[in-house]
Amino acid sequence: MSAPDRELFLDVSHLEPPEPLVRALAEAERLGPGQYMRMLHRREPCLLYPNLDKRGFSHLTRSSAGGRFEVFIWNRGDDAARRAVLTAAGELAGG
């Protein structure tokens, strides 16, 4: 699976609550093996995390200097997706 096929991108930074939460949960359900979602948000989506945990997803959040948040979401236990997330997030050299 190529890198573009692994990532589902979702920009919710222009949406008002609760739409980012609703959209993120719906899109996460579409993830297949080896895939992850990268979501951009203008605030940290604190209510999203327990919802993801309950539904069997893992997540990693990074904040940027501009105050934006990047949330990576993948199916819990999917090691290929986890490695892809760590590479995309710059936390793993190489792949």
Protein backbone atom coordinates (compact mmCIF):
# COMPACT_ATOMS: atom_id res chain seq x y z
CA MET A 1 0.00 0.00 0.00
CA SER A 2 1.51 3.33 -1.02
CA ALA A 3 1.69 6.29 1.37
CA PRO A 4 -1.16 8.23 -0.32
CA ASP A 5 -3.38 5.15 -0.05
CA ARG A 6 -2.67 4.86 3.67
CA GLU A 7 -3.77 8.35 4.67
CA LEU A 8 -7.30 9.65 4.80
CA PHE A 9 -7.12 13.44 5.25
CA LEU A 10 -9.83 15.44 7.02
CA ASP A 11 -9.72 19.20 7.61
CA VAL A 12 -12.35 20.22 10.17
CA SER A 13 -10.69 23.48 11.17
CA HIS A 14 -13.49 25.53 9.57
CA LEU A 15 -16.38 23.59 11.16
CA GLU A 16 -18.31 24.48 14.32
CA PRO A 17 -18.95 21.96 17.12
CA PRO A 18 -20.15 19.25 17.15
CA GLU A 19 -19.49 18.76 13.41
CA PRO A 20 -15.72 18.00 13.78
CA LEU A 21 -16.49 15.24 16.27
CA VAL A 22 -19.28 13.77 14.15
CA ARG A 23 -17.21 13.88 10.95
CA ALA A 24 -14.09 12.42 12.59
CA LEU A 25 -15.97 9.46 14.06
CA ALA A 26 -17.74 8.74 10.77
CA GLU A 27 -14.53 8.93 8.74
CA ALA A 28 -12.59 6.79 11.24
CA GLU A 29 -15.09 3.98 10.66
CA ARG A 30 -13.98 3.89 7.01
CA LEU A 31 -10.36 3.03 7.85
CA GLY A 32 -9.13 -0.27 6.49
CA PRO A 33 -6.06 -2.28 7.44
CA GLY A 34 -2.88 -0.21 7.23
CA GLN A 35 -4.78 3.07 6.89
CA TYR A 36 -4.92 6.06 9.20
CA MET A 37 -6.67 9.41 9.27
CA ARG A 38 -4.89 12.74 9.64
CA MET A 39 -7.27 15.40 10.88
CA LEU A 40 -6.55 19.13 11.09
CA HIS A 41 -8.38 21.13 13.74
CA ARG A 42 -8.13 24.66 15.10
CA ARG A 43 -8.57 23.42 18.71
CA GLU A 44 -7.59 20.31 20.60
CA PRO A 45 -10.55 17.93 20.20
CA CYS A 46 -10.70 16.71 23.81
CA LEU A 47 -14.17 15.17 23.45
CA LEU A 48 -12.98 13.10 20.50
CA TYR A 49 -10.42 11.07 22.45
CA PRO A 50 -12.76 9.09 24.77
CA ASN A 51 -15.07 8.43 21.81
CA LEU A 52 -12.18 7.01 19.81
CA ASP A 53 -11.04 4.90 22.75
CA LYS A 54 -14.51 3.39 23.16
CA ARG A 55 -14.68 2.53 19.46
CA GLY A 56 -11.31 0.75 19.31
CA PHE A 57 -9.12 3.45 17.78
CA SER A 58 -5.70 4.74 18.76
CA HIS A 59 -4.70 8.36 18.33
CA LEU A 60 -1.74 10.72 18.42
CA THR A 61 -2.02 14.51 18.58
CA ARG A 62 0.55 17.13 17.63
CA SER A 63 0.16 20.87 18.02
CA SER A 64 1.82 23.36 15.72
CA ALA A 65 3.30 26.75 16.48
CA GLY A 66 0.31 28.31 14.72
CA GLY A 67 -2.08 26.87 17.28
CA ARG A 68 -3.48 24.19 14.99
CA PHE A 69 -3.80 20.55 15.98
CA GLU A 70 -3.04 17.52 13.88
CA VAL A 71 -4.72 14.33 15.09
CA PHE A 72 -3.72 10.94 13.72
CA ILE A 73 -6.26 8.14 14.14
CA TRP A 74 -5.93 4.42 13.35
CA ASN A 75 -7.47 1.11 14.32
CA ARG A 76 -6.07 -0.15 17.62
CA GLY A 77 -3.72 -3.08 17.06
CA ASP A 78 -2.97 -2.17 13.43
CA ASP A 79 0.84 -2.07 13.56
CA ALA A 80 1.25 -1.10 9.90
CA ALA A 81 -1.01 1.92 10.40
CA ARG A 82 0.77 2.82 13.66
CA ARG A 83 4.17 2.77 11.93
CA ALA A 84 2.78 4.87 9.07
CA VAL A 85 1.44 7.39 11.59
CA LEU A 86 4.75 7.62 13.42
CA THR A 87 6.55 8.17 10.13
CA ALA A 88 4.02 10.79 8.96
CA ALA A 89 4.19 12.55 12.33
CA GLY A 90 7.98 12.64 12.13
CA GLU A 91 8.43 10.47 15.20
CA LEU A 92 10.01 7.55 13.38
CA ALA A 93 12.96 7.88 11.03
CA GLY A 94 12.70 5.92 7.81
CA GLY A 95 9.54 3.88 7.99
